Every structure is written in structure tokens, then in C-alpha cells.
Amino acid sequence: MTMPPRSTRETKNDTSLKEEWIQHILRRAVVAAILCDPKVVETLLQIPDAALGQMFKNHLCEAMGIATVYGIDLPALRDEEENLRKRVNRASKGTLEHEPLPGANKANAERYPLVLQGKVLRTRDFCNAAGIAEKKLDKLVDSGRIFRLYFGPEAYYPAFFLTPMIFRDDFRKVIRRLGKIDSWTKFDFFTTPAEALGGATPLQRLSAEDVEPVVEEAASFAEQYARLFP
């Protein structure tokens, strides 16, 4: 059965609701900035619009990395906005939570929410947030301090590599022990609680500078993986 085309009025209503949701988020960000340091507002207003927007986006990427380290379920923190979120969802199927998957990404459908949540980042966003050029990013990958993830042909990078709480050399030690395991399995290793680590994730232990147990667990994990997938 062919669905009738959506009216211009419905499209405009969807757009206005999206804009309302974005404005709601930005107002909360402004209030947070003022509460953090009321004296800094004048300084922020002097920053060019484009630069201020990029700074905000970069810090969002870094915050997502920290959220991944601590296993924070950010959608669960939106309970106080539940009424507004439900209103948006009812009126519009085009929200982030219902964004259609690109064709090349359909094979990774179960992973794609990580993109929508900002837990894995496109190359440009990662480089901007890290303050590095793509050539530098390539060198970090080649040296084993960072690894790439793929949705089809497009490369993405875990946001947890942006956290200032974990040294890249510590990441390299663990990644080296994981060996030639595929990148998505490496991502799962870093973000999944391990009994050998007291129920913490490797990211959480690394953020506490407790590196050696994570390195040992990585070696054990790699051995088990090799036996299962020789």
C-alpha cells in the first residue's frame, strides 16, 4: 500500500518541533555555562559565532568520550524531558532516534545507534575535537594508539579516545595486546565489564591509571578469541 505524500503543513510542523527541541537543549547549555562561571559570559560573547559553535561541538565530542568511559547511559538521563521528547516522537518520525540508516550501514544496524549517540565519530568531527589534522590521525592509527571502525567504506573513531583521563600510550599497550582482532571486537572489549577487572570496563580501569590488569585481560581476551576464531 502506497502512503500518501506528507503535506507541507506536516513538514513545517516537524521542522518547528525539531527546532524547539534544539533550542531547549541550547538553553540548558547556556544555563549550565552561566552557573559554572557567570563572569565568563562576556568573554564567550566576544568569540566569533563560528568559533564558538565549533568549540561547543568539540566539547560535546569529548563529553561523549567521557560518558563512554564511565558507561553513562545518556538517554536515561533525559527523563525530565520525557514529555517533550514524546511530543517530538509522536509528531515526527525524523528525529535522531528514527533516522534512516544509509544503505552501506544496514549491515551494521545494531551498531548504528553508537553514531547517533556520538559514541563513535566521523573523521572530521574527531579531528576537530582532538585538534589534529587527518595526517596526524593516520599516524596515531599506524602507531596503535587509536583504531578505526567502519560502517561500510566510511571510517569512524571511538569518542573515548578523546578523553583526557586516559593516556594514548596506555591505549597503545592494550591495543597491542589485543593484536589482530577486528576493530569492532576491540571496541566491545574496551566498553564491556569484565569479571577479571572486578566488574569494571577496561576503560574505567584505564581512567583510574590501573593499566597492567587491563593489559593482562587484553592478552587473555586475545587468546580466547584466537581459539574461537582461528
C-alpha atoms as a PDB file:
ATOM      1  CA  MET A   1       0.000   0.000   0.000  1.00  0.00           C
ATOM      2  CA  THR A   2       1.421   3.387  -1.025  1.00  0.00           C
ATOM      3  CA  MET A   3       1.354   6.010   1.685  1.00  0.00           C
ATOM      4  CA  PRO A   4       0.023   9.438   0.641  1.00  0.00           C
ATOM      5  CA  PRO A   5       2.643  12.206   0.450  1.00  0.00           C
ATOM      6  CA  ARG A   6       3.064  14.266   3.576  1.00  0.00           C
ATOM      7  CA  SER A   7       1.582  17.735   3.432  1.00  0.00           C
ATOM      8  CA  THR A   8       3.666  20.888   3.528  1.00  0.00           C
ATOM      9  CA  ARG A   9       1.977  21.735   6.803  1.00  0.00           C
ATOM     10  CA  GLU A  10       3.091  18.436   8.374  1.00  0.00           C
ATOM     11  CA  THR A  11       6.664  19.004   7.170  1.00  0.00           C
ATOM     12  CA  LYS A  12       6.735  22.519   8.613  1.00  0.00           C
ATOM     13  CA  ASN A  13       5.334  21.204  11.902  1.00  0.00           C
ATOM     14  CA  ASP A  14       8.085  18.573  12.080  1.00  0.00           C
ATOM     15  CA  THR A  15      10.713  21.230  11.425  1.00  0.00           C
ATOM     16  CA  SER A  16       9.348  23.556  14.102  1.00  0.00           C
ATOM     17  CA  LEU A  17       9.326  20.731  16.655  1.00  0.00           C
ATOM     18  CA  LYS A  18      12.938  19.834  15.843  1.00  0.00           C
ATOM     19  CA  GLU A  19      13.931  23.482  16.215  1.00  0.00           C
ATOM     20  CA  GLU A  20      12.057  23.666  19.523  1.00  0.00           C
ATOM     21  CA  TRP A  21      13.958  20.606  20.793  1.00  0.00           C
ATOM     22  CA  ILE A  22      17.308  22.061  19.694  1.00  0.00           C
ATOM     23  CA  GLN A  23      16.507  25.412  21.326  1.00  0.00           C
ATOM     24  CA  HIS A  24      15.594  23.577  24.540  1.00  0.00           C
ATOM     25  CA  ILE A  25      18.977  21.808  24.562  1.00  0.00           C
ATOM     26  CA  LEU A  26      20.898  25.013  23.807  1.00  0.00           C
ATOM     27  CA  ARG A  27      19.101  26.916  26.570  1.00  0.00           C
ATOM     28  CA  ARG A  28      20.161  24.233  29.044  1.00  0.00           C
ATOM     29  CA  ALA A  29      23.744  24.531  27.805  1.00  0.00           C
ATOM     30  CA  VAL A  30      23.673  28.316  28.271  1.00  0.00           C
ATOM     31  CA  VAL A  31      22.297  27.990  31.804  1.00  0.00           C
ATOM     32  CA  ALA A  32      25.000  25.452  32.629  1.00  0.00           C
ATOM     33  CA  ALA A  33      27.710  27.818  31.339  1.00  0.00           C
ATOM     34  CA  ILE A  34      26.378  30.724  33.416  1.00  0.00           C
ATOM     35  CA  LEU A  35      26.080  28.616  36.568  1.00  0.00           C
ATOM     36  CA  CYS A  36      29.609  27.328  36.023  1.00  0.00           C
ATOM     37  CA  ASP A  37      31.141  30.818  35.789  1.00  0.00           C
ATOM     38  CA  PRO A  38      28.880  33.896  35.497  1.00  0.00           C
ATOM     39  CA  LYS A  39      31.896  36.139  34.852  1.00  0.00           C
ATOM     40  CA  VAL A  40      32.890  34.298  31.682  1.00  0.00           C
ATOM     41  CA  VAL A  41      29.714  35.161  29.740  1.00  0.00           C
ATOM     42  CA  GLU A  42      31.116  38.432  28.391  1.00  0.00           C
ATOM     43  CA  THR A  43      34.230  36.606  27.176  1.00  0.00           C
ATOM     44  CA  LEU A  44      32.119  33.991  25.419  1.00  0.00           C
ATOM     45  CA  LEU A  45      30.091  36.693  23.671  1.00  0.00           C
ATOM     46  CA  GLN A  46      33.279  38.119  22.192  1.00  0.00           C
ATOM     47  CA  ILE A  47      34.145  34.846  20.445  1.00  0.00           C
ATOM     48  CA  PRO A  48      33.070  34.724  16.769  1.00  0.00           C
ATOM     49  CA  ASP A  49      29.917  32.680  16.171  1.00  0.00           C
ATOM     50  CA  ALA A  50      31.590  30.013  14.037  1.00  0.00           C
ATOM     51  CA  ALA A  51      34.450  29.552  16.504  1.00  0.00           C
ATOM     52  CA  LEU A  52      32.073  29.342  19.470  1.00  0.00           C
ATOM     53  CA  GLY A  53      29.942  26.775  17.674  1.00  0.00           C
ATOM     54  CA  GLN A  54      32.982  24.655  16.842  1.00  0.00           C
ATOM     55  CA  MET A  55      34.222  24.849  20.448  1.00  0.00           C
ATOM     56  CA  PHE A  56      30.813  23.689  21.676  1.00  0.00           C
ATOM     57  CA  LYS A  57      30.773  20.801  19.211  1.00  0.00           C
ATOM     58  CA  ASN A  58      34.316  19.765  20.151  1.00  0.00           C
ATOM     59  CA  HIS A  59      33.422  19.641  23.833  1.00  0.00           C
ATOM     60  CA  LEU A  60      30.333  17.592  23.010  1.00  0.00           C
ATOM     61  CA  CYS A  61      32.574  15.028  21.317  1.00  0.00           C
ATOM     62  CA  GLU A  62      34.914  14.959  24.312  1.00  0.00           C
ATOM     63  CA  ALA A  63      31.982  14.618  26.706  1.00  0.00           C
ATOM     64  CA  MET A  64      30.708  11.619  24.766  1.00  0.00           C
ATOM     65  CA  GLY A  65      34.124  10.021  25.160  1.00  0.00           C
ATOM     66  CA  ILE A  66      33.991  10.516  28.915  1.00  0.00           C
ATOM     67  CA  ALA A  67      30.426   9.182  29.028  1.00  0.00           C
ATOM     68  CA  THR A  68      31.605   6.050  27.241  1.00  0.00           C
ATOM     69  CA  VAL A  69      34.451   5.567  29.718  1.00  0.00           C
ATOM     70  CA  TYR A  70      32.078   5.638  32.668  1.00  0.00           C
ATOM     71  CA  GLY A  71      29.318   3.702  30.928  1.00  0.00           C
ATOM     72  CA  ILE A  72      26.860   6.542  31.365  1.00  0.00           C
ATOM     73  CA  ASP A  73      23.555   5.880  29.616  1.00  0.00           C
ATOM     74  CA  LEU A  74      22.867   9.403  28.394  1.00  0.00           C
ATOM     75  CA  PRO A  75      19.364   8.680  27.018  1.00  0.00           C
ATOM     76  CA  ALA A  76      18.359   7.554  30.504  1.00  0.00           C
ATOM     77  CA  LEU A  77      19.299  10.983  31.856  1.00  0.00           C
ATOM     78  CA  ARG A  78      16.630  12.646  29.768  1.00  0.00           C
ATOM     79  CA  ASP A  79      13.735  11.558  31.988  1.00  0.00           C
ATOM     80  CA  GLU A  80      12.919  15.134  32.959  1.00  0.00           C
ATOM     81  CA  GLU A  81      12.417  15.967  29.261  1.00  0.00           C
ATOM     82  CA  GLU A  82      10.210  12.914  28.692  1.00  0.00           C
ATOM     83  CA  ASN A  83       7.056  14.853  27.884  1.00  0.00           C
ATOM     84  CA  LEU A  84       8.755  16.992  25.274  1.00  0.00           C
ATOM     85  CA  ARG A  85      10.585  14.006  23.777  1.00  0.00           C
ATOM     86  CA  LYS A  86       7.341  12.030  23.457  1.00  0.00           C
ATOM     87  CA  ARG A  87       5.692  15.001  21.771  1.00  0.00           C
ATOM     88  CA  VAL A  88       8.508  15.207  19.250  1.00  0.00           C
ATOM     89  CA  ASN A  89       8.420  11.453  18.601  1.00  0.00           C
ATOM     90  CA  ARG A  90       4.665  11.433  18.059  1.00  0.00           C
ATOM     91  CA  ALA A  91       4.724  14.321  15.642  1.00  0.00           C
ATOM     92  CA  SER A  92       7.879  13.474  13.749  1.00  0.00           C
ATOM     93  CA  LYS A  93       9.465  10.215  12.686  1.00  0.00           C
ATOM     94  CA  GLY A  94      12.517  12.089  11.509  1.00  0.00           C
ATOM     95  CA  THR A  95      14.185  12.539  14.894  1.00  0.00           C
ATOM     96  CA  LEU A  96      17.654  11.167  15.557  1.00  0.00           C
ATOM     97  CA  GLU A  97      16.190   8.107  17.232  1.00  0.00           C
ATOM     98  CA  HIS A  98      14.393   7.242  13.971  1.00  0.00           C
ATOM     99  CA  GLU A  99      16.964   8.472  11.465  1.00  0.00           C
ATOM    100  CA  PRO A 100      17.047   6.084   8.493  1.00  0.00           C
ATOM    101  CA  LEU A 101      20.252   4.151   8.015  1.00  0.00           C
ATOM    102  CA  PRO A 102      22.397   4.829   4.957  1.00  0.00           C
ATOM    103  CA  GLY A 103      22.426   1.845   2.617  1.00  0.00           C
ATOM    104  CA  ALA A 104      26.062   0.994   3.305  1.00  0.00           C
ATOM    105  CA  ASN A 105      25.345   0.863   7.029  1.00  0.00           C
ATOM    106  CA  LYS A 106      22.439  -1.598   7.035  1.00  0.00           C
ATOM    107  CA  ALA A 107      24.782  -4.485   7.842  1.00  0.00           C
ATOM    108  CA  ASN A 108      25.796  -2.580  10.984  1.00  0.00           C
ATOM    109  CA  ALA A 109      22.260  -1.717  12.040  1.00  0.00           C
ATOM    110  CA  GLU A 110      22.785  -2.882  15.615  1.00  0.00           C
ATOM    111  CA  ARG A 111      25.846  -0.628  15.855  1.00  0.00           C
ATOM    112  CA  TYR A 112      24.426   2.478  14.237  1.00  0.00           C
ATOM    113  CA  PRO A 113      22.903   3.911  17.451  1.00  0.00           C
ATOM    114  CA  LEU A 114      26.509   4.477  18.572  1.00  0.00           C
ATOM    115  CA  VAL A 115      26.807   7.008  15.754  1.00  0.00           C
ATOM    116  CA  LEU A 116      23.542   8.707  16.675  1.00  0.00           C
ATOM    117  CA  GLN A 117      24.637   8.900  20.324  1.00  0.00           C
ATOM    118  CA  GLY A 118      28.018  10.398  19.392  1.00  0.00           C
ATOM    119  CA  LYS A 119      29.978   7.481  20.849  1.00  0.00           C
ATOM    120  CA  VAL A 120      31.721   6.936  17.528  1.00  0.00           C
ATOM    121  CA  LEU A 121      32.657   9.934  15.407  1.00  0.00           C
ATOM    122  CA  ARG A 122      33.239  10.707  11.769  1.00  0.00           C
ATOM    123  CA  THR A 123      36.793  11.579  10.800  1.00  0.00           C
ATOM    124  CA  ARG A 124      36.209  15.324  10.537  1.00  0.00           C
ATOM    125  CA  ASP A 125      34.423  15.583  13.878  1.00  0.00           C
ATOM    126  CA  PHE A 126      37.084  13.512  15.626  1.00  0.00           C
ATOM    127  CA  CYS A 127      39.935  15.585  14.180  1.00  0.00           C
ATOM    128  CA  ASN A 128      38.244  18.864  15.096  1.00  0.00           C
ATOM    129  CA  ALA A 129      37.577  17.710  18.655  1.00  0.00           C
ATOM    130  CA  ALA A 130      41.118  16.363  19.051  1.00  0.00           C
ATOM    131  CA  GLY A 131      42.676  19.426  17.424  1.00  0.00           C
ATOM    132  CA  ILE A 132      44.664  17.357  14.930  1.00  0.00           C
ATOM    133  CA  ALA A 133      44.949  17.000  11.165  1.00  0.00           C
ATOM    134  CA  GLU A 134      43.973  13.809   9.347  1.00  0.00           C
ATOM    135  CA  LYS A 135      47.644  13.029   8.688  1.00  0.00           C
ATOM    136  CA  LYS A 136      48.268  13.069  12.440  1.00  0.00           C
ATOM    137  CA  LEU A 137      45.250  10.834  12.948  1.00  0.00           C
ATOM    138  CA  ASP A 138      46.647   8.358  10.427  1.00  0.00           C
ATOM    139  CA  LYS A 139      49.935   8.301  12.348  1.00  0.00           C
ATOM    140  CA  LEU A 140      48.104   7.616  15.616  1.00  0.00           C
ATOM    141  CA  VAL A 141      46.324   4.692  13.978  1.00  0.00           C
ATOM    142  CA  ASP A 142      49.562   3.363  12.473  1.00  0.00           C
ATOM    143  CA  SER A 143      51.280   3.567  15.874  1.00  0.00           C
ATOM    144  CA  GLY A 144      48.464   1.605  17.547  1.00  0.00           C
ATOM    145  CA  ARG A 145      47.306   4.404  19.828  1.00  0.00           C
ATOM    146  CA  ILE A 146      43.908   4.580  18.115  1.00  0.00           C
ATOM    147  CA  PHE A 147      41.899   2.249  15.904  1.00  0.00           C
ATOM    148  CA  ARG A 148      39.274   2.861  13.262  1.00  0.00           C
ATOM    149  CA  LEU A 149      35.769   1.463  12.993  1.00  0.00           C
ATOM    150  CA  TYR A 150      33.872   1.099   9.745  1.00  0.00           C
ATOM    151  CA  PHE A 151      30.300   1.438   8.556  1.00  0.00           C
ATOM    152  CA  GLY A 152      30.617   0.254   5.004  1.00  0.00           C
ATOM    153  CA  PRO A 153      33.531   2.172   3.470  1.00  0.00           C
ATOM    154  CA  GLU A 154      33.340   5.116   5.897  1.00  0.00           C
ATOM    155  CA  ALA A 155      35.754   5.314   8.816  1.00  0.00           C
ATOM    156  CA  TYR A 156      34.686   6.306  12.329  1.00  0.00           C
ATOM    157  CA  TYR A 157      36.606   6.656  15.586  1.00  0.00           C
ATOM    158  CA  PRO A 158      35.555   5.870  19.170  1.00  0.00           C
ATOM    159  CA  ALA A 159      34.885   9.055  21.129  1.00  0.00           C
ATOM    160  CA  PHE A 160      36.567   7.539  24.191  1.00  0.00           C
ATOM    161  CA  PHE A 161      39.936   8.242  22.564  1.00  0.00           C
ATOM    162  CA  LEU A 162      39.228  11.936  23.216  1.00  0.00           C
ATOM    163  CA  THR A 163      39.033  11.600  26.981  1.00  0.00           C
ATOM    164  CA  PRO A 164      41.885  13.379  28.787  1.00  0.00           C
ATOM    165  CA  MET A 165      41.683  10.785  31.580  1.00  0.00           C
ATOM    166  CA  ILE A 166      43.492   8.052  29.632  1.00  0.00           C
ATOM    167  CA  PHE A 167      46.968   8.354  28.117  1.00  0.00           C
ATOM    168  CA  ARG A 168      47.289   7.336  24.485  1.00  0.00           C
ATOM    169  CA  ASP A 169      50.354   5.284  25.363  1.00  0.00           C
ATOM    170  CA  ASP A 170      48.149   3.271  27.737  1.00  0.00           C
ATOM    171  CA  PHE A 171      45.703   2.705  24.910  1.00  0.00           C
ATOM    172  CA  ARG A 172      48.609   1.512  22.764  1.00  0.00           C
ATOM    173  CA  LYS A 173      49.686  -1.047  25.375  1.00  0.00           C
ATOM    174  CA  VAL A 174      46.217  -2.567  25.435  1.00  0.00           C
ATOM    175  CA  ILE A 175      45.616  -2.382  21.676  1.00  0.00           C
ATOM    176  CA  ARG A 176      48.957  -4.072  21.061  1.00  0.00           C
ATOM    177  CA  ARG A 177      47.962  -6.992  23.323  1.00  0.00           C
ATOM    178  CA  LEU A 178      44.631  -7.337  21.537  1.00  0.00           C
ATOM    179  CA  GLY A 179      46.584  -7.984  18.355  1.00  0.00           C
ATOM    180  CA  LYS A 180      44.798  -8.503  15.044  1.00  0.00           C
ATOM    181  CA  ILE A 181      41.302  -8.736  16.471  1.00  0.00           C
ATOM    182  CA  ASP A 182      38.821  -6.811  14.324  1.00  0.00           C
ATOM    183  CA  SER A 183      38.139  -3.226  15.363  1.00  0.00           C
ATOM    184  CA  TRP A 184      34.531  -3.707  16.475  1.00  0.00           C
ATOM    185  CA  THR A 185      35.605  -6.521  18.792  1.00  0.00           C
ATOM    186  CA  LYS A 186      38.263  -4.185  20.218  1.00  0.00           C
ATOM    187  CA  PHE A 187      35.549  -1.597  20.837  1.00  0.00           C
ATOM    188  CA  ASP A 188      33.481  -4.222  22.656  1.00  0.00           C
ATOM    189  CA  PHE A 189      36.496  -5.193  24.764  1.00  0.00           C
ATOM    190  CA  PHE A 190      37.054  -1.637  25.969  1.00  0.00           C
ATOM    191  CA  THR A 191      33.397  -0.959  26.766  1.00  0.00           C
ATOM    192  CA  THR A 192      32.246  -4.288  28.271  1.00  0.00           C
ATOM    193  CA  PRO A 193      32.516  -5.023  32.025  1.00  0.00           C
ATOM    194  CA  ALA A 194      34.966  -7.845  32.772  1.00  0.00           C
ATOM    195  CA  GLU A 195      34.830 -10.148  35.769  1.00  0.00           C
ATOM    196  CA  ALA A 196      38.641 -10.192  35.936  1.00  0.00           C
ATOM    197  CA  LEU A 197      38.539  -6.406  36.358  1.00  0.00           C
ATOM    198  CA  GLY A 198      36.127  -6.510  39.257  1.00  0.00           C
ATOM    199  CA  GLY A 199      33.114  -5.887  37.059  1.00  0.00           C
ATOM    200  CA  ALA A 200      34.572  -2.657  35.649  1.00  0.00           C
ATOM    201  CA  THR A 201      35.159  -1.993  31.975  1.00  0.00           C
ATOM    202  CA  PRO A 202      38.735  -1.702  30.692  1.00  0.00           C
ATOM    203  CA  LEU A 203      38.037   1.979  30.038  1.00  0.00           C
ATOM    204  CA  GLN A 204      37.102   2.554  33.654  1.00  0.00           C
ATOM    205  CA  ARG A 205      40.236   0.833  34.926  1.00  0.00           C
ATOM    206  CA  LEU A 206      42.418   2.762  32.492  1.00  0.00           C
ATOM    207  CA  SER A 207      40.851   6.044  33.616  1.00  0.00           C
ATOM    208  CA  ALA A 208      41.978   5.138  37.152  1.00  0.00           C
ATOM    209  CA  GLU A 209      45.519   4.560  35.773  1.00  0.00           C
ATOM    210  CA  ASP A 210      45.232   0.864  36.628  1.00  0.00           C
ATOM    211  CA  VAL A 211      46.824  -0.234  33.396  1.00  0.00           C
ATOM    212  CA  GLU A 212      48.509  -3.602  33.980  1.00  0.00           C
ATOM    213  CA  PRO A 213      45.340  -5.584  34.833  1.00  0.00           C
ATOM    214  CA  VAL A 214      43.779  -4.282  31.623  1.00  0.00           C
ATOM    215  CA  VAL A 215      46.841  -5.270  29.589  1.00  0.00           C
ATOM    216  CA  GLU A 216      46.700  -8.771  31.107  1.00  0.00           C
ATOM    217  CA  GLU A 217      42.979  -9.043  30.414  1.00  0.00           C
ATOM    218  CA  ALA A 218      43.586  -7.925  26.822  1.00  0.00           C
ATOM    219  CA  ALA A 219      46.149 -10.689  26.329  1.00  0.00           C
ATOM    220  CA  SER A 220      43.760 -13.271  27.803  1.00  0.00           C
ATOM    221  CA  PHE A 221      40.906 -11.965  25.669  1.00  0.00           C
ATOM    222  CA  ALA A 222      43.047 -12.184  22.522  1.00  0.00           C
ATOM    223  CA  GLU A 223      43.983 -15.793  23.303  1.00  0.00           C
ATOM    224  CA  GLN A 224      40.360 -16.794  23.823  1.00  0.00           C
ATOM    225  CA  TYR A 225      39.354 -15.023  20.619  1.00  0.00           C
ATOM    226  CA  ALA A 226      42.088 -16.824  18.655  1.00  0.00           C
ATOM    227  CA  ARG A 227      40.827 -20.201  19.919  1.00  0.00           C
ATOM    228  CA  LEU A 228      37.242 -19.386  18.993  1.00  0.00           C
ATOM    229  CA  PHE A 229      38.081 -17.843  15.612  1.00  0.00           C
ATOM    230  CA  PRO A 230      41.319 -19.446  14.439  1.00  0.00           C
END
